[in-house]
mmCIF file of all heavy atoms, coordinates in Angstrom:
data_MODEL
# 
_entry.id   MODEL 
# 
loop_
_atom_site.group_PDB 
_atom_site.id 
_atom_site.type_symbol 
_atom_site.label_atom_id 
_atom_site.label_alt_id 
_atom_site.label_comp_id 
_atom_site.label_asym_id 
_atom_site.label_entity_id 
_atom_site.label_seq_id 
_atom_site.pdbx_PDB_ins_code 
_atom_site.Cartn_x 
_atom_site.Cartn_y 
_atom_site.Cartn_z 
_atom_site.occupancy 
_atom_site.B_iso_or_equiv 
_atom_site.pdbx_formal_charge 
_atom_site.auth_seq_id 
_atom_site.auth_comp_id 
_atom_site.auth_asym_id 
_atom_site.auth_atom_id 
_atom_site.pdbx_PDB_model_num 
ATOM 1   N N   . PRO A 1 1  ? -19.749 -7.383  -6.356  1.00 0.00 ? 1  PRO A N   1 
ATOM 2   C CA  . PRO A 1 1  ? -19.133 -6.098  -6.732  1.00 0.00 ? 1  PRO A CA  1 
ATOM 3   C C   . PRO A 1 1  ? -19.173 -5.982  -8.235  1.00 0.00 ? 1  PRO A C   1 
ATOM 4   O O   . PRO A 1 1  ? -19.364 -6.949  -8.997  1.00 0.00 ? 1  PRO A O   1 
ATOM 5   C CB  . PRO A 1 1  ? -17.608 -6.336  -6.228  1.00 0.00 ? 1  PRO A CB  1 
ATOM 6   C CG  . PRO A 1 1  ? -17.522 -7.709  -5.744  1.00 0.00 ? 1  PRO A CG  1 
ATOM 7   C CD  . PRO A 1 1  ? -18.832 -8.324  -5.735  1.00 0.00 ? 1  PRO A CD  1 
ATOM 8   N N   . THR A 1 2  ? -19.086 -4.754  -8.664  1.00 0.00 ? 2  THR A N   1 
ATOM 9   C CA  . THR A 1 2  ? -19.115 -4.448  -10.118 1.00 0.00 ? 2  THR A CA  1 
ATOM 10  C C   . THR A 1 2  ? -17.895 -4.880  -10.886 1.00 0.00 ? 2  THR A C   1 
ATOM 11  O O   . THR A 1 2  ? -17.845 -4.893  -12.076 1.00 0.00 ? 2  THR A O   1 
ATOM 12  C CB  . THR A 1 2  ? -19.423 -2.963  -10.434 1.00 0.00 ? 2  THR A CB  1 
ATOM 13  O OG1 . THR A 1 2  ? -18.362 -2.214  -9.725  1.00 0.00 ? 2  THR A OG1 1 
ATOM 14  C CG2 . THR A 1 2  ? -20.775 -2.555  -9.818  1.00 0.00 ? 2  THR A CG2 1 
ATOM 15  N N   . SER A 1 3  ? -16.775 -5.133  -10.170 1.00 0.00 ? 3  SER A N   1 
ATOM 16  C CA  . SER A 1 3  ? -15.564 -5.589  -10.752 1.00 0.00 ? 3  SER A CA  1 
ATOM 17  C C   . SER A 1 3  ? -14.814 -6.370  -9.722  1.00 0.00 ? 3  SER A C   1 
ATOM 18  O O   . SER A 1 3  ? -15.125 -6.320  -8.489  1.00 0.00 ? 3  SER A O   1 
ATOM 19  C CB  . SER A 1 3  ? -14.785 -4.448  -11.253 1.00 0.00 ? 3  SER A CB  1 
ATOM 20  O OG  . SER A 1 3  ? -14.113 -3.733  -10.280 1.00 0.00 ? 3  SER A OG  1 
ATOM 21  N N   . ALA A 1 4  ? -13.720 -6.939  -10.128 1.00 0.00 ? 4  ALA A N   1 
ATOM 22  C CA  . ALA A 1 4  ? -12.844 -7.654  -9.206  1.00 0.00 ? 4  ALA A CA  1 
ATOM 23  C C   . ALA A 1 4  ? -12.108 -6.665  -8.277  1.00 0.00 ? 4  ALA A C   1 
ATOM 24  O O   . ALA A 1 4  ? -11.589 -7.006  -7.219  1.00 0.00 ? 4  ALA A O   1 
ATOM 25  C CB  . ALA A 1 4  ? -11.715 -8.453  -9.964  1.00 0.00 ? 4  ALA A CB  1 
ATOM 26  N N   . TYR A 1 5  ? -12.148 -5.397  -8.693  1.00 0.00 ? 5  TYR A N   1 
ATOM 27  C CA  . TYR A 1 5  ? -11.479 -4.432  -7.930  1.00 0.00 ? 5  TYR A CA  1 
ATOM 28  C C   . TYR A 1 5  ? -12.551 -3.520  -7.179  1.00 0.00 ? 5  TYR A C   1 
ATOM 29  O O   . TYR A 1 5  ? -12.237 -2.452  -6.736  1.00 0.00 ? 5  TYR A O   1 
ATOM 30  C CB  . TYR A 1 5  ? -10.600 -3.561  -8.823  1.00 0.00 ? 5  TYR A CB  1 
ATOM 31  C CG  . TYR A 1 5  ? -9.577  -4.373  -9.485  1.00 0.00 ? 5  TYR A CG  1 
ATOM 32  C CD1 . TYR A 1 5  ? -9.835  -4.857  -10.792 1.00 0.00 ? 5  TYR A CD1 1 
ATOM 33  C CD2 . TYR A 1 5  ? -8.471  -4.848  -8.824  1.00 0.00 ? 5  TYR A CD2 1 
ATOM 34  C CE1 . TYR A 1 5  ? -8.907  -5.657  -11.453 1.00 0.00 ? 5  TYR A CE1 1 
ATOM 35  C CE2 . TYR A 1 5  ? -7.558  -5.692  -9.406  1.00 0.00 ? 5  TYR A CE2 1 
ATOM 36  C CZ  . TYR A 1 5  ? -7.798  -6.173  -10.729 1.00 0.00 ? 5  TYR A CZ  1 
ATOM 37  O OH  . TYR A 1 5  ? -6.919  -6.936  -11.373 1.00 0.00 ? 5  TYR A OH  1 
ATOM 38  N N   . GLY A 1 6  ? -13.766 -4.004  -7.038  1.00 0.00 ? 6  GLY A N   1 
ATOM 39  C CA  . GLY A 1 6  ? -14.904 -3.237  -6.365  1.00 0.00 ? 6  GLY A CA  1 
ATOM 40  C C   . GLY A 1 6  ? -14.561 -2.853  -5.020  1.00 0.00 ? 6  GLY A C   1 
ATOM 41  O O   . GLY A 1 6  ? -15.162 -1.952  -4.447  1.00 0.00 ? 6  GLY A O   1 
ATOM 42  N N   . ALA A 1 7  ? -13.662 -3.565  -4.263  1.00 0.00 ? 7  ALA A N   1 
ATOM 43  C CA  . ALA A 1 7  ? -13.397 -3.327  -2.887  1.00 0.00 ? 7  ALA A CA  1 
ATOM 44  C C   . ALA A 1 7  ? -12.183 -2.369  -2.739  1.00 0.00 ? 7  ALA A C   1 
ATOM 45  O O   . ALA A 1 7  ? -11.753 -2.174  -1.599  1.00 0.00 ? 7  ALA A O   1 
ATOM 46  C CB  . ALA A 1 7  ? -13.114 -4.613  -2.208  1.00 0.00 ? 7  ALA A CB  1 
ATOM 47  N N   . ARG A 1 8  ? -11.698 -1.803  -3.732  1.00 0.00 ? 8  ARG A N   1 
ATOM 48  C CA  . ARG A 1 8  ? -10.574 -0.851  -3.631  1.00 0.00 ? 8  ARG A CA  1 
ATOM 49  C C   . ARG A 1 8  ? -10.918 0.364   -2.827  1.00 0.00 ? 8  ARG A C   1 
ATOM 50  O O   . ARG A 1 8  ? -12.111 0.866   -2.893  1.00 0.00 ? 8  ARG A O   1 
ATOM 51  C CB  . ARG A 1 8  ? -10.113 -0.324  -5.063  1.00 0.00 ? 8  ARG A CB  1 
ATOM 52  C CG  . ARG A 1 8  ? -9.180  -1.273  -5.727  1.00 0.00 ? 8  ARG A CG  1 
ATOM 53  C CD  . ARG A 1 8  ? -8.631  -0.521  -6.908  1.00 0.00 ? 8  ARG A CD  1 
ATOM 54  N NE  . ARG A 1 8  ? -7.685  -1.354  -7.636  1.00 0.00 ? 8  ARG A NE  1 
ATOM 55  C CZ  . ARG A 1 8  ? -7.146  -1.098  -8.757  1.00 0.00 ? 8  ARG A CZ  1 
ATOM 56  N NH1 . ARG A 1 8  ? -7.459  0.039   -9.377  1.00 0.00 ? 8  ARG A NH1 1 
ATOM 57  N NH2 . ARG A 1 8  ? -6.302  -1.909  -9.294  1.00 0.00 ? 8  ARG A NH2 1 
ATOM 58  N N   . PRO A 1 9  ? -10.004 0.795   -2.017  1.00 0.00 ? 9  PRO A N   1 
ATOM 59  C CA  . PRO A 1 9  ? -10.307 2.064   -1.294  1.00 0.00 ? 9  PRO A CA  1 
ATOM 60  C C   . PRO A 1 9  ? -10.456 3.272   -2.181  1.00 0.00 ? 9  PRO A C   1 
ATOM 61  O O   . PRO A 1 9  ? -9.828  3.239   -3.299  1.00 0.00 ? 9  PRO A O   1 
ATOM 62  C CB  . PRO A 1 9  ? -9.094  2.214   -0.361  1.00 0.00 ? 9  PRO A CB  1 
ATOM 63  C CG  . PRO A 1 9  ? -8.025  1.472   -0.951  1.00 0.00 ? 9  PRO A CG  1 
ATOM 64  C CD  . PRO A 1 9  ? -8.685  0.374   -1.789  1.00 0.00 ? 9  PRO A CD  1 
ATOM 65  N N   . THR A 1 10 ? -11.208 4.195   -1.747  1.00 0.00 ? 10 THR A N   1 
ATOM 66  C CA  . THR A 1 10 ? -11.349 5.451   -2.623  1.00 0.00 ? 10 THR A CA  1 
ATOM 67  C C   . THR A 1 10 ? -10.019 6.238   -2.535  1.00 0.00 ? 10 THR A C   1 
ATOM 68  O O   . THR A 1 10 ? -9.237  6.014   -1.655  1.00 0.00 ? 10 THR A O   1 
ATOM 69  C CB  . THR A 1 10 ? -12.431 6.319   -2.008  1.00 0.00 ? 10 THR A CB  1 
ATOM 70  O OG1 . THR A 1 10 ? -12.124 6.714   -0.692  1.00 0.00 ? 10 THR A OG1 1 
ATOM 71  C CG2 . THR A 1 10 ? -13.793 5.694   -2.048  1.00 0.00 ? 10 THR A CG2 1 
ATOM 72  N N   . PRO A 1 11 ? -9.741  7.052   -3.546  1.00 0.00 ? 11 PRO A N   1 
ATOM 73  C CA  . PRO A 1 11 ? -8.502  7.808   -3.553  1.00 0.00 ? 11 PRO A CA  1 
ATOM 74  C C   . PRO A 1 11 ? -8.226  8.612   -2.299  1.00 0.00 ? 11 PRO A C   1 
ATOM 75  O O   . PRO A 1 11 ? -7.074  8.830   -1.964  1.00 0.00 ? 11 PRO A O   1 
ATOM 76  C CB  . PRO A 1 11 ? -8.678  8.774   -4.752  1.00 0.00 ? 11 PRO A CB  1 
ATOM 77  C CG  . PRO A 1 11 ? -9.647  8.101   -5.635  1.00 0.00 ? 11 PRO A CG  1 
ATOM 78  C CD  . PRO A 1 11 ? -10.582 7.364   -4.692  1.00 0.00 ? 11 PRO A CD  1 
ATOM 79  N N   . SER A 1 12 ? -9.271  9.044   -1.546  1.00 0.00 ? 12 SER A N   1 
ATOM 80  C CA  . SER A 1 12 ? -8.995  9.816   -0.375  1.00 0.00 ? 12 SER A CA  1 
ATOM 81  C C   . SER A 1 12 ? -8.571  8.926   0.821   1.00 0.00 ? 12 SER A C   1 
ATOM 82  O O   . SER A 1 12 ? -8.191  9.444   1.824   1.00 0.00 ? 12 SER A O   1 
ATOM 83  C CB  . SER A 1 12 ? -10.269 10.621  0.005   1.00 0.00 ? 12 SER A CB  1 
ATOM 84  O OG  . SER A 1 12 ? -11.345 9.751   0.157   1.00 0.00 ? 12 SER A OG  1 
ATOM 85  N N   . ALA A 1 13 ? -8.708  7.610   0.651   1.00 0.00 ? 13 ALA A N   1 
ATOM 86  C CA  . ALA A 1 13 ? -8.433  6.698   1.776   1.00 0.00 ? 13 ALA A CA  1 
ATOM 87  C C   . ALA A 1 13 ? -6.806  6.576   1.884   1.00 0.00 ? 13 ALA A C   1 
ATOM 88  O O   . ALA A 1 13 ? -6.117  6.918   0.946   1.00 0.00 ? 13 ALA A O   1 
ATOM 89  C CB  . ALA A 1 13 ? -9.003  5.356   1.561   1.00 0.00 ? 13 ALA A CB  1 
ATOM 90  N N   . ALA A 1 14 ? -6.449  6.161   3.035   1.00 0.00 ? 14 ALA A N   1 
ATOM 91  C CA  . ALA A 1 14 ? -4.980  5.929   3.220   1.00 0.00 ? 14 ALA A CA  1 
ATOM 92  C C   . ALA A 1 14 ? -4.407  4.897   2.223   1.00 0.00 ? 14 ALA A C   1 
ATOM 93  O O   . ALA A 1 14 ? -5.122  3.953   1.900   1.00 0.00 ? 14 ALA A O   1 
ATOM 94  C CB  . ALA A 1 14 ? -4.749  5.423   4.709   1.00 0.00 ? 14 ALA A CB  1 
ATOM 95  N N   . PRO A 1 15 ? -3.242  5.094   1.715   1.00 0.00 ? 15 PRO A N   1 
ATOM 96  C CA  . PRO A 1 15 ? -2.623  4.152   0.754   1.00 0.00 ? 15 PRO A CA  1 
ATOM 97  C C   . PRO A 1 15 ? -2.504  2.839   1.379   1.00 0.00 ? 15 PRO A C   1 
ATOM 98  O O   . PRO A 1 15 ? -2.257  2.707   2.647   1.00 0.00 ? 15 PRO A O   1 
ATOM 99  C CB  . PRO A 1 15 ? -1.280  4.740   0.459   1.00 0.00 ? 15 PRO A CB  1 
ATOM 100 C CG  . PRO A 1 15 ? -1.077  5.906   1.326   1.00 0.00 ? 15 PRO A CG  1 
ATOM 101 C CD  . PRO A 1 15 ? -2.299  6.173   2.063   1.00 0.00 ? 15 PRO A CD  1 
ATOM 102 N N   . ARG A 1 16 ? -2.684  1.800   0.640   1.00 0.00 ? 16 ARG A N   1 
ATOM 103 C CA  . ARG A 1 16 ? -2.468  0.420   1.007   1.00 0.00 ? 16 ARG A CA  1 
ATOM 104 C C   . ARG A 1 16 ? -1.121  0.042   1.099   1.00 0.00 ? 16 ARG A C   1 
ATOM 105 O O   . ARG A 1 16 ? -0.236  0.470   0.449   1.00 0.00 ? 16 ARG A O   1 
ATOM 106 C CB  . ARG A 1 16 ? -3.247  -0.542  -0.048  1.00 0.00 ? 16 ARG A CB  1 
ATOM 107 C CG  . ARG A 1 16 ? -3.152  -1.995  0.288   1.00 0.00 ? 16 ARG A CG  1 
ATOM 108 C CD  . ARG A 1 16 ? -3.892  -2.797  -0.753  1.00 0.00 ? 16 ARG A CD  1 
ATOM 109 N NE  . ARG A 1 16 ? -3.264  -2.868  -2.023  1.00 0.00 ? 16 ARG A NE  1 
ATOM 110 C CZ  . ARG A 1 16 ? -2.203  -3.628  -2.348  1.00 0.00 ? 16 ARG A CZ  1 
ATOM 111 N NH1 . ARG A 1 16 ? -1.665  -4.369  -1.446  1.00 0.00 ? 16 ARG A NH1 1 
ATOM 112 N NH2 . ARG A 1 16 ? -1.708  -3.634  -3.530  1.00 0.00 ? 16 ARG A NH2 1 
ATOM 113 N N   . ASP A 1 17 ? -0.814  -0.813  2.136   1.00 0.00 ? 17 ASP A N   1 
ATOM 114 C CA  . ASP A 1 17 ? 0.568   -1.359  2.298   1.00 0.00 ? 17 ASP A CA  1 
ATOM 115 C C   . ASP A 1 17 ? 0.853   -2.285  1.129   1.00 0.00 ? 17 ASP A C   1 
ATOM 116 O O   . ASP A 1 17 ? 0.287   -3.427  1.040   1.00 0.00 ? 17 ASP A O   1 
ATOM 117 C CB  . ASP A 1 17 ? 0.724   -2.114  3.611   1.00 0.00 ? 17 ASP A CB  1 
ATOM 118 C CG  . ASP A 1 17 ? 2.018   -2.751  3.840   1.00 0.00 ? 17 ASP A CG  1 
ATOM 119 O OD1 . ASP A 1 17 ? 2.966   -2.499  3.018   1.00 0.00 ? 17 ASP A OD1 1 
ATOM 120 O OD2 . ASP A 1 17 ? 2.233   -3.392  4.908   1.00 0.00 ? 17 ASP A OD2 1 
ATOM 121 N N   . ARG A 1 18 ? 1.658   -1.896  0.185   1.00 0.00 ? 18 ARG A N   1 
ATOM 122 C CA  . ARG A 1 18 ? 1.882   -2.649  -1.024  1.00 0.00 ? 18 ARG A CA  1 
ATOM 123 C C   . ARG A 1 18 ? 2.837   -3.843  -0.798  1.00 0.00 ? 18 ARG A C   1 
ATOM 124 O O   . ARG A 1 18 ? 3.021   -4.627  -1.677  1.00 0.00 ? 18 ARG A O   1 
ATOM 125 C CB  . ARG A 1 18 ? 2.410   -1.846  -2.168  1.00 0.00 ? 18 ARG A CB  1 
ATOM 126 C CG  . ARG A 1 18 ? 1.374   -0.741  -2.501  1.00 0.00 ? 18 ARG A CG  1 
ATOM 127 C CD  . ARG A 1 18 ? 1.386   -0.427  -3.966  1.00 0.00 ? 18 ARG A CD  1 
ATOM 128 N NE  . ARG A 1 18 ? 0.375   0.542   -4.321  1.00 0.00 ? 18 ARG A NE  1 
ATOM 129 C CZ  . ARG A 1 18 ? -0.843  0.259   -4.802  1.00 0.00 ? 18 ARG A CZ  1 
ATOM 130 N NH1 . ARG A 1 18 ? -1.123  -1.003  -5.008  1.00 0.00 ? 18 ARG A NH1 1 
ATOM 131 N NH2 . ARG A 1 18 ? -1.721  1.171   -5.109  1.00 0.00 ? 18 ARG A NH2 1 
ATOM 132 N N   . SER A 1 19 ? 3.402   -3.952  0.394   1.00 0.00 ? 19 SER A N   1 
ATOM 133 C CA  . SER A 1 19 ? 4.229   -5.162  0.673   1.00 0.00 ? 19 SER A CA  1 
ATOM 134 C C   . SER A 1 19 ? 3.355   -6.388  0.974   1.00 0.00 ? 19 SER A C   1 
ATOM 135 O O   . SER A 1 19 ? 3.842   -7.521  0.937   1.00 0.00 ? 19 SER A O   1 
ATOM 136 C CB  . SER A 1 19 ? 5.064   -4.904  1.881   1.00 0.00 ? 19 SER A CB  1 
ATOM 137 O OG  . SER A 1 19 ? 4.321   -4.773  3.029   1.00 0.00 ? 19 SER A OG  1 
ATOM 138 N N   . GLN A 1 20 ? 2.048   -6.139  1.169   1.00 0.00 ? 20 GLN A N   1 
ATOM 139 C CA  . GLN A 1 20 ? 1.052   -7.274  1.423   1.00 0.00 ? 20 GLN A CA  1 
ATOM 140 C C   . GLN A 1 20 ? 0.279   -7.527  0.086   1.00 0.00 ? 20 GLN A C   1 
ATOM 141 O O   . GLN A 1 20 ? -0.081  -6.610  -0.573  1.00 0.00 ? 20 GLN A O   1 
ATOM 142 C CB  . GLN A 1 20 ? 0.135   -6.900  2.530   1.00 0.00 ? 20 GLN A CB  1 
ATOM 143 C CG  . GLN A 1 20 ? 0.835   -6.606  3.904   1.00 0.00 ? 20 GLN A CG  1 
ATOM 144 C CD  . GLN A 1 20 ? 1.607   -7.881  4.369   1.00 0.00 ? 20 GLN A CD  1 
ATOM 145 O OE1 . GLN A 1 20 ? 1.072   -8.963  4.386   1.00 0.00 ? 20 GLN A OE1 1 
ATOM 146 N NE2 . GLN A 1 20 ? 2.855   -7.616  4.789   1.00 0.00 ? 20 GLN A NE2 1 
ATOM 147 N N   . PRO A 1 21 ? 0.004   -8.808  -0.189  1.00 0.00 ? 21 PRO A N   1 
ATOM 148 C CA  . PRO A 1 21 ? -0.757  -9.118  -1.377  1.00 0.00 ? 21 PRO A CA  1 
ATOM 149 C C   . PRO A 1 21 ? -2.148  -8.597  -1.249  1.00 0.00 ? 21 PRO A C   1 
ATOM 150 O O   . PRO A 1 21 ? -2.710  -8.476  -0.175  1.00 0.00 ? 21 PRO A O   1 
ATOM 151 C CB  . PRO A 1 21 ? -0.724  -10.603 -1.440  1.00 0.00 ? 21 PRO A CB  1 
ATOM 152 C CG  . PRO A 1 21 ? -0.423  -11.085 -0.056  1.00 0.00 ? 21 PRO A CG  1 
ATOM 153 C CD  . PRO A 1 21 ? 0.381   -9.969  0.607   1.00 0.00 ? 21 PRO A CD  1 
ATOM 154 N N   . THR A 1 22 ? -2.800  -8.295  -2.411  1.00 0.00 ? 22 THR A N   1 
ATOM 155 C CA  . THR A 1 22 ? -4.162  -7.860  -2.403  1.00 0.00 ? 22 THR A CA  1 
ATOM 156 C C   . THR A 1 22 ? -5.046  -9.059  -2.042  1.00 0.00 ? 22 THR A C   1 
ATOM 157 O O   . THR A 1 22 ? -4.662  -10.200 -2.332  1.00 0.00 ? 22 THR A O   1 
ATOM 158 C CB  . THR A 1 22 ? -4.553  -7.283  -3.756  1.00 0.00 ? 22 THR A CB  1 
ATOM 159 O OG1 . THR A 1 22 ? -4.330  -8.260  -4.774  1.00 0.00 ? 22 THR A OG1 1 
ATOM 160 C CG2 . THR A 1 22 ? -3.892  -6.035  -4.074  1.00 0.00 ? 22 THR A CG2 1 
ATOM 161 N N   . PRO A 1 23 ? -6.217  -8.897  -1.455  1.00 0.00 ? 23 PRO A N   1 
ATOM 162 C CA  . PRO A 1 23 ? -7.029  -10.006 -1.015  1.00 0.00 ? 23 PRO A CA  1 
ATOM 163 C C   . PRO A 1 23 ? -7.468  -10.943 -2.168  1.00 0.00 ? 23 PRO A C   1 
ATOM 164 O O   . PRO A 1 23 ? -7.654  -12.157 -1.934  1.00 0.00 ? 23 PRO A O   1 
ATOM 165 C CB  . PRO A 1 23 ? -8.245  -9.339  -0.344  1.00 0.00 ? 23 PRO A CB  1 
ATOM 166 C CG  . PRO A 1 23 ? -7.904  -7.922  -0.126  1.00 0.00 ? 23 PRO A CG  1 
ATOM 167 C CD  . PRO A 1 23 ? -6.790  -7.625  -1.088  1.00 0.00 ? 23 PRO A CD  1 
ATOM 168 N N   . HIS A 1 24 ? -7.553  -10.418 -3.398  1.00 0.00 ? 24 HIS A N   1 
ATOM 169 C CA  . HIS A 1 24 ? -8.079  -11.240 -4.480  1.00 0.00 ? 24 HIS A CA  1 
ATOM 170 C C   . HIS A 1 24 ? -6.896  -11.854 -5.262  1.00 0.00 ? 24 HIS A C   1 
ATOM 171 O O   . HIS A 1 24 ? -7.132  -12.565 -6.201  1.00 0.00 ? 24 HIS A O   1 
ATOM 172 C CB  . HIS A 1 24 ? -8.979  -10.429 -5.407  1.00 0.00 ? 24 HIS A CB  1 
ATOM 173 C CG  . HIS A 1 24 ? -8.201  -9.256  -6.016  1.00 0.00 ? 24 HIS A CG  1 
ATOM 174 N ND1 . HIS A 1 24 ? -8.163  -8.036  -5.312  1.00 0.00 ? 24 HIS A ND1 1 
ATOM 175 C CD2 . HIS A 1 24 ? -7.525  -9.067  -7.152  1.00 0.00 ? 24 HIS A CD2 1 
ATOM 176 C CE1 . HIS A 1 24 ? -7.518  -7.193  -6.079  1.00 0.00 ? 24 HIS A CE1 1 
ATOM 177 N NE2 . HIS A 1 24 ? -7.069  -7.802  -7.129  1.00 0.00 ? 24 HIS A NE2 1 
# 
């Protein structure tokens, strides 16, 4: 990926459940 955050969903995607840790 081009950054550690390369796998982030696009802004049009459903919001991520912030109660769960990010994979990285």
